[in-house]
Amino acid sequence: MTPRRETAIGAGVLGALLLALALNAADGDGRSGGDDGYMLQAVFQRTDGLSVGAQVRMAGVPVGRVTEQVLDERFRAHVTMIMAPGLALPADSSAIIETDGLLGGKYIEVQPGAAEAMLPPGGRIEYTQDSVVIEDLLARIVAQAKAKRSGQALPSGGAEDGAGEGGNGAGGRRFVPSLLDDGDQKGG
């Protein structure tokens, strides 16, 4: 390749990246339309990477946005969200901080419950799941790989060879058993 061609390709890639960033920033400013709607709150132990203006989604569809984050006296994050008008959520709904793709931004995924009572405006979502920090996840995987290589038992009691376990693919192996609930580790 000639230097001129390499420069043109590099400029094109850089331009596409800048355009993608600009579109992402523009999407973040108008995520749920206006401020008409109602407020809900949720409390998390950690909200790593979640920012004011982040989307609130249900089944992947934007239904609101984060308007405020404050820290309480017990060092928990109180998140205030504005939800789309007319969207009634059951009182036992849950809020989970998710990542949009592998390296994307954080958002809150709301999973509706089954209760007949609805959350009132200004109400609080009681069931929450904190943000997963990629670095912590990778550190756990590396520690488990080192333990397995040295012949030590896995720290969370996971099966080493999955023989006799079913329903979880790859010959029944559990690659990251410490991330599963105790009920899920029994192979069922």
C-alpha atoms as a PDB file:
ATOM      1  CA  MET A   1       0.000   0.000   0.000  1.00  0.00           C
ATOM      2  CA  THR A   2       1.101   3.510  -0.662  1.00  0.00           C
ATOM      3  CA  PRO A   3       1.408   6.030   2.151  1.00  0.00           C
ATOM      4  CA  ARG A   4      -1.322   8.172   0.588  1.00  0.00           C
ATOM      5  CA  ARG A   5      -3.755   5.217   0.551  1.00  0.00           C
ATOM      6  CA  GLU A   6      -2.931   4.293   4.160  1.00  0.00           C
ATOM      7  CA  THR A   7      -3.552   7.899   5.214  1.00  0.00           C
ATOM      8  CA  ALA A   8      -6.902   7.956   3.387  1.00  0.00           C
ATOM      9  CA  ILE A   9      -8.000   4.689   5.038  1.00  0.00           C
ATOM     10  CA  GLY A  10      -6.924   5.957   8.466  1.00  0.00           C
ATOM     11  CA  ALA A  11      -8.788   9.226   7.961  1.00  0.00           C
ATOM     12  CA  GLY A  12     -11.902   7.306   6.891  1.00  0.00           C
ATOM     13  CA  VAL A  13     -11.783   5.090   9.974  1.00  0.00           C
ATOM     14  CA  LEU A  14     -11.238   8.100  12.233  1.00  0.00           C
ATOM     15  CA  GLY A  15     -14.123   9.947  10.567  1.00  0.00           C
ATOM     16  CA  ALA A  16     -16.443   6.956  11.023  1.00  0.00           C
ATOM     17  CA  LEU A  17     -15.458   6.725  14.698  1.00  0.00           C
ATOM     18  CA  LEU A  18     -16.110  10.435  15.260  1.00  0.00           C
ATOM     19  CA  LEU A  19     -19.475  10.143  13.505  1.00  0.00           C
ATOM     20  CA  ALA A  20     -20.446   7.164  15.686  1.00  0.00           C
ATOM     21  CA  LEU A  21     -19.471   9.057  18.841  1.00  0.00           C
ATOM     22  CA  ALA A  22     -21.433  12.133  17.721  1.00  0.00           C
ATOM     23  CA  LEU A  23     -24.531  10.034  16.996  1.00  0.00           C
ATOM     24  CA  ASN A  24     -24.208   8.296  20.358  1.00  0.00           C
ATOM     25  CA  ALA A  25     -23.956  11.640  22.159  1.00  0.00           C
ATOM     26  CA  ALA A  26     -26.958  13.007  20.245  1.00  0.00           C
ATOM     27  CA  ASP A  27     -28.957   9.881  21.158  1.00  0.00           C
ATOM     28  CA  GLY A  28     -28.086  10.397  24.829  1.00  0.00           C
ATOM     29  CA  ASP A  29     -29.538  13.914  24.821  1.00  0.00           C
ATOM     30  CA  GLY A  30     -33.003  12.951  23.558  1.00  0.00           C
ATOM     31  CA  ARG A  31     -33.476   9.529  24.991  1.00  0.00           C
ATOM     32  CA  SER A  32     -37.037   9.670  26.196  1.00  0.00           C
ATOM     33  CA  GLY A  33     -38.406  12.863  24.727  1.00  0.00           C
ATOM     34  CA  GLY A  34     -39.459  15.502  27.233  1.00  0.00           C
ATOM     35  CA  ASP A  35     -39.631  15.451  30.990  1.00  0.00           C
ATOM     36  CA  ASP A  36     -43.302  14.515  31.007  1.00  0.00           C
ATOM     37  CA  GLY A  37     -43.745  11.258  32.833  1.00  0.00           C
ATOM     38  CA  TYR A  38     -43.351  10.149  36.408  1.00  0.00           C
ATOM     39  CA  MET A  39     -40.402   9.571  38.715  1.00  0.00           C
ATOM     40  CA  LEU A  40     -39.288   6.260  40.199  1.00  0.00           C
ATOM     41  CA  GLN A  41     -36.329   5.509  42.418  1.00  0.00           C
ATOM     42  CA  ALA A  42     -34.018   2.554  42.928  1.00  0.00           C
ATOM     43  CA  VAL A  43     -31.126   1.943  45.334  1.00  0.00           C
ATOM     44  CA  PHE A  44     -27.939   0.177  44.228  1.00  0.00           C
ATOM     45  CA  GLN A  45     -24.722  -0.768  46.046  1.00  0.00           C
ATOM     46  CA  ARG A  46     -22.693   0.327  42.999  1.00  0.00           C
ATOM     47  CA  THR A  47     -23.569   1.974  39.702  1.00  0.00           C
ATOM     48  CA  ASP A  48     -20.171   1.926  37.981  1.00  0.00           C
ATOM     49  CA  GLY A  49     -20.452   3.629  34.594  1.00  0.00           C
ATOM     50  CA  LEU A  50     -24.141   4.573  34.870  1.00  0.00           C
ATOM     51  CA  SER A  51     -24.598   8.271  34.213  1.00  0.00           C
ATOM     52  CA  VAL A  52     -27.335  10.863  34.353  1.00  0.00           C
ATOM     53  CA  GLY A  53     -29.159  10.705  31.029  1.00  0.00           C
ATOM     54  CA  ALA A  54     -28.651   6.946  30.635  1.00  0.00           C
ATOM     55  CA  GLN A  55     -31.575   5.042  29.195  1.00  0.00           C
ATOM     56  CA  VAL A  56     -34.069   3.004  31.163  1.00  0.00           C
ATOM     57  CA  ARG A  57     -35.262   0.113  29.007  1.00  0.00           C
ATOM     58  CA  MET A  58     -37.875  -2.585  29.188  1.00  0.00           C
ATOM     59  CA  ALA A  59     -37.501  -5.547  26.814  1.00  0.00           C
ATOM     60  CA  GLY A  60     -34.832  -3.485  25.037  1.00  0.00           C
ATOM     61  CA  VAL A  61     -37.187  -0.571  24.356  1.00  0.00           C
ATOM     62  CA  PRO A  62     -36.357   2.848  25.888  1.00  0.00           C
ATOM     63  CA  VAL A  63     -39.050   3.747  28.448  1.00  0.00           C
ATOM     64  CA  GLY A  64     -37.275   6.430  30.455  1.00  0.00           C
ATOM     65  CA  ARG A  65     -33.957   7.878  31.539  1.00  0.00           C
ATOM     66  CA  VAL A  66     -31.834   8.426  34.636  1.00  0.00           C
ATOM     67  CA  THR A  67     -32.230  11.962  36.003  1.00  0.00           C
ATOM     68  CA  GLU A  68     -30.200  11.891  39.211  1.00  0.00           C
ATOM     69  CA  GLN A  69     -27.749   9.855  41.288  1.00  0.00           C
ATOM     70  CA  VAL A  70     -26.962  10.652  44.906  1.00  0.00           C
ATOM     71  CA  LEU A  71     -25.029   8.857  47.620  1.00  0.00           C
ATOM     72  CA  ASP A  72     -26.749   8.240  50.956  1.00  0.00           C
ATOM     73  CA  GLU A  73     -25.235   8.073  54.449  1.00  0.00           C
ATOM     74  CA  ARG A  74     -24.767   4.292  54.070  1.00  0.00           C
ATOM     75  CA  PHE A  75     -22.787   4.830  50.822  1.00  0.00           C
ATOM     76  CA  ARG A  76     -25.478   3.436  48.547  1.00  0.00           C
ATOM     77  CA  ALA A  77     -26.418   5.025  45.230  1.00  0.00           C
ATOM     78  CA  HIS A  78     -29.978   6.361  45.003  1.00  0.00           C
ATOM     79  CA  VAL A  79     -30.963   6.593  41.347  1.00  0.00           C
ATOM     80  CA  THR A  80     -33.948   8.652  40.198  1.00  0.00           C
ATOM     81  CA  MET A  81     -35.523   7.822  36.838  1.00  0.00           C
ATOM     82  CA  ILE A  82     -38.238   9.497  34.830  1.00  0.00           C
ATOM     83  CA  MET A  83     -40.519   6.965  33.185  1.00  0.00           C
ATOM     84  CA  ALA A  84     -42.745   7.324  30.123  1.00  0.00           C
ATOM     85  CA  PRO A  85     -46.263   8.514  30.951  1.00  0.00           C
ATOM     86  CA  GLY A  86     -48.870   5.776  30.935  1.00  0.00           C
ATOM     87  CA  LEU A  87     -46.362   3.021  31.717  1.00  0.00           C
ATOM     88  CA  ALA A  88     -47.591   1.267  34.864  1.00  0.00           C
ATOM     89  CA  LEU A  89     -45.060  -1.029  36.545  1.00  0.00           C
ATOM     90  CA  PRO A  90     -46.037  -3.790  38.975  1.00  0.00           C
ATOM     91  CA  ALA A  91     -44.814  -3.199  42.543  1.00  0.00           C
ATOM     92  CA  ASP A  92     -42.492  -6.222  42.419  1.00  0.00           C
ATOM     93  CA  SER A  93     -40.612  -5.089  39.293  1.00  0.00           C
ATOM     94  CA  SER A  94     -36.814  -5.191  39.289  1.00  0.00           C
ATOM     95  CA  ALA A  95     -34.078  -2.870  37.969  1.00  0.00           C
ATOM     96  CA  ILE A  96     -30.767  -4.201  36.669  1.00  0.00           C
ATOM     97  CA  ILE A  97     -27.773  -2.153  35.531  1.00  0.00           C
ATOM     98  CA  GLU A  98     -26.662  -3.615  32.200  1.00  0.00           C
ATOM     99  CA  THR A  99     -23.943  -2.822  29.656  1.00  0.00           C
ATOM    100  CA  ASP A 100     -24.897  -2.068  26.063  1.00  0.00           C
ATOM    101  CA  GLY A 101     -22.702  -4.608  24.273  1.00  0.00           C
ATOM    102  CA  LEU A 102     -19.187  -5.503  25.363  1.00  0.00           C
ATOM    103  CA  LEU A 103     -17.791  -1.981  25.679  1.00  0.00           C
ATOM    104  CA  GLY A 104     -20.965   0.113  25.450  1.00  0.00           C
ATOM    105  CA  GLY A 105     -22.498   2.456  27.965  1.00  0.00           C
ATOM    106  CA  LYS A 106     -24.534   1.416  30.993  1.00  0.00           C
ATOM    107  CA  TYR A 107     -28.314   1.534  31.179  1.00  0.00           C
ATOM    108  CA  ILE A 108     -31.045   0.268  33.499  1.00  0.00           C
ATOM    109  CA  GLU A 109     -33.135  -2.678  32.346  1.00  0.00           C
ATOM    110  CA  VAL A 110     -36.490  -2.841  34.117  1.00  0.00           C
ATOM    111  CA  GLN A 111     -38.117  -6.252  34.372  1.00  0.00           C
ATOM    112  CA  PRO A 112     -41.799  -6.083  35.245  1.00  0.00           C
ATOM    113  CA  GLY A 113     -43.065  -8.246  38.056  1.00  0.00           C
ATOM    114  CA  ALA A 114     -46.392 -10.009  38.450  1.00  0.00           C
ATOM    115  CA  ALA A 115     -47.954  -8.121  41.360  1.00  0.00           C
ATOM    116  CA  GLU A 116     -51.409  -6.637  40.907  1.00  0.00           C
ATOM    117  CA  ALA A 117     -50.429  -3.467  42.794  1.00  0.00           C
ATOM    118  CA  MET A 118     -48.575  -0.864  40.737  1.00  0.00           C
ATOM    119  CA  LEU A 119     -45.661   1.372  41.697  1.00  0.00           C
ATOM    120  CA  PRO A 120     -46.971   4.867  42.439  1.00  0.00           C
ATOM    121  CA  PRO A 121     -45.263   7.972  41.014  1.00  0.00           C
ATOM    122  CA  GLY A 122     -42.247   8.669  43.234  1.00  0.00           C
ATOM    123  CA  GLY A 123     -42.214   5.008  44.328  1.00  0.00           C
ATOM    124  CA  ARG A 124     -39.162   2.839  44.720  1.00  0.00           C
ATOM    125  CA  ILE A 125     -38.172  -0.297  42.846  1.00  0.00           C
ATOM    126  CA  GLU A 126     -37.153  -2.645  45.661  1.00  0.00           C
ATOM    127  CA  TYR A 127     -35.456  -5.399  43.673  1.00  0.00           C
ATOM    128  CA  THR A 128     -32.183  -4.220  42.125  1.00  0.00           C
ATOM    129  CA  GLN A 129     -29.017  -5.749  40.710  1.00  0.00           C
ATOM    130  CA  ASP A 130     -25.803  -3.752  40.689  1.00  0.00           C
ATOM    131  CA  SER A 131     -23.484  -3.019  37.821  1.00  0.00           C
ATOM    132  CA  VAL A 132     -20.966  -5.727  36.909  1.00  0.00           C
ATOM    133  CA  VAL A 133     -17.432  -4.374  36.669  1.00  0.00           C
ATOM    134  CA  ILE A 134     -15.579  -6.019  33.778  1.00  0.00           C
ATOM    135  CA  GLU A 135     -12.238  -5.813  35.606  1.00  0.00           C
ATOM    136  CA  ASP A 136     -13.640  -7.689  38.618  1.00  0.00           C
ATOM    137  CA  LEU A 137     -15.153 -10.325  36.365  1.00  0.00           C
ATOM    138  CA  LEU A 138     -11.870 -10.841  34.509  1.00  0.00           C
ATOM    139  CA  ALA A 139      -9.958 -11.036  37.798  1.00  0.00           C
ATOM    140  CA  ARG A 140     -12.279 -13.842  38.978  1.00  0.00           C
ATOM    141  CA  ILE A 141     -11.828 -15.757  35.737  1.00  0.00           C
ATOM    142  CA  VAL A 142      -8.028 -15.435  35.907  1.00  0.00           C
ATOM    143  CA  ALA A 143      -7.978 -16.515  39.574  1.00  0.00           C
ATOM    144  CA  GLN A 144     -10.096 -19.575  38.793  1.00  0.00           C
ATOM    145  CA  ALA A 145      -7.902 -20.501  35.830  1.00  0.00           C
ATOM    146  CA  LYS A 146      -4.775 -20.241  37.997  1.00  0.00           C
ATOM    147  CA  ALA A 147      -6.384 -22.341  40.728  1.00  0.00           C
ATOM    148  CA  LYS A 148      -7.418 -24.992  38.227  1.00  0.00           C
ATOM    149  CA  ARG A 149      -3.957 -25.075  36.634  1.00  0.00           C
ATOM    150  CA  SER A 150      -2.245 -25.540  39.985  1.00  0.00           C
ATOM    151  CA  GLY A 151      -4.656 -28.347  40.907  1.00  0.00           C
ATOM    152  CA  GLN A 152      -6.394 -26.457  43.700  1.00  0.00           C
ATOM    153  CA  ALA A 153     -10.111 -26.736  44.230  1.00  0.00           C
ATOM    154  CA  LEU A 154     -12.205 -24.032  42.634  1.00  0.00           C
ATOM    155  CA  PRO A 155     -13.124 -21.368  45.210  1.00  0.00           C
ATOM    156  CA  SER A 156     -16.887 -21.571  44.690  1.00  0.00           C
ATOM    157  CA  GLY A 157     -17.281 -25.330  44.680  1.00  0.00           C
ATOM    158  CA  GLY A 158     -17.954 -25.570  40.926  1.00  0.00           C
ATOM    159  CA  ALA A 159     -17.582 -28.839  39.044  1.00  0.00           C
ATOM    160  CA  GLU A 160     -14.254 -29.284  37.317  1.00  0.00           C
ATOM    161  CA  ASP A 161     -15.320 -31.649  34.590  1.00  0.00           C
ATOM    162  CA  GLY A 162     -19.087 -31.432  34.425  1.00  0.00           C
ATOM    163  CA  ALA A 163     -19.549 -35.198  34.005  1.00  0.00           C
ATOM    164  CA  GLY A 164     -23.125 -36.064  34.766  1.00  0.00           C
ATOM    165  CA  GLU A 165     -24.303 -32.465  34.713  1.00  0.00           C
ATOM    166  CA  GLY A 166     -26.584 -31.363  31.959  1.00  0.00           C
ATOM    167  CA  GLY A 167     -28.384 -28.421  30.489  1.00  0.00           C
ATOM    168  CA  ASN A 168     -25.535 -25.941  30.443  1.00  0.00           C
ATOM    169  CA  GLY A 169     -23.691 -26.688  27.197  1.00  0.00           C
ATOM    170  CA  ALA A 170     -20.032 -27.561  26.565  1.00  0.00           C
ATOM    171  CA  GLY A 171     -20.364 -31.062  28.020  1.00  0.00           C
ATOM    172  CA  GLY A 172     -21.891 -29.756  31.233  1.00  0.00           C
ATOM    173  CA  ARG A 173     -18.910 -27.577  32.164  1.00  0.00           C
ATOM    174  CA  ARG A 174     -19.389 -24.455  34.207  1.00  0.00           C
ATOM    175  CA  PHE A 175     -16.775 -21.941  33.183  1.00  0.00           C
ATOM    176  CA  VAL A 176     -17.507 -19.289  35.820  1.00  0.00           C
ATOM    177  CA  PRO A 177     -19.265 -21.077  38.692  1.00  0.00           C
ATOM    178  CA  SER A 178     -18.779 -18.247  41.209  1.00  0.00           C
ATOM    179  CA  LEU A 179     -21.143 -16.057  39.210  1.00  0.00           C
ATOM    180  CA  LEU A 180     -24.063 -18.460  39.532  1.00  0.00           C
ATOM    181  CA  ASP A 181     -26.586 -18.672  42.343  1.00  0.00           C
ATOM    182  CA  ASP A 182     -26.203 -21.585  44.729  1.00  0.00           C
ATOM    183  CA  GLY A 183     -29.391 -23.083  43.314  1.00  0.00           C
ATOM    184  CA  ASP A 184     -27.923 -22.979  39.793  1.00  0.00           C
ATOM    185  CA  GLN A 185     -24.716 -24.794  40.793  1.00  0.00           C
ATOM    186  CA  LYS A 186     -26.515 -28.036  41.490  1.00  0.00           C
ATOM    187  CA  GLY A 187     -26.656 -28.847  37.770  1.00  0.00           C
ATOM    188  CA  GLY A 188     -30.382 -28.255  37.328  1.00  0.00           C
END
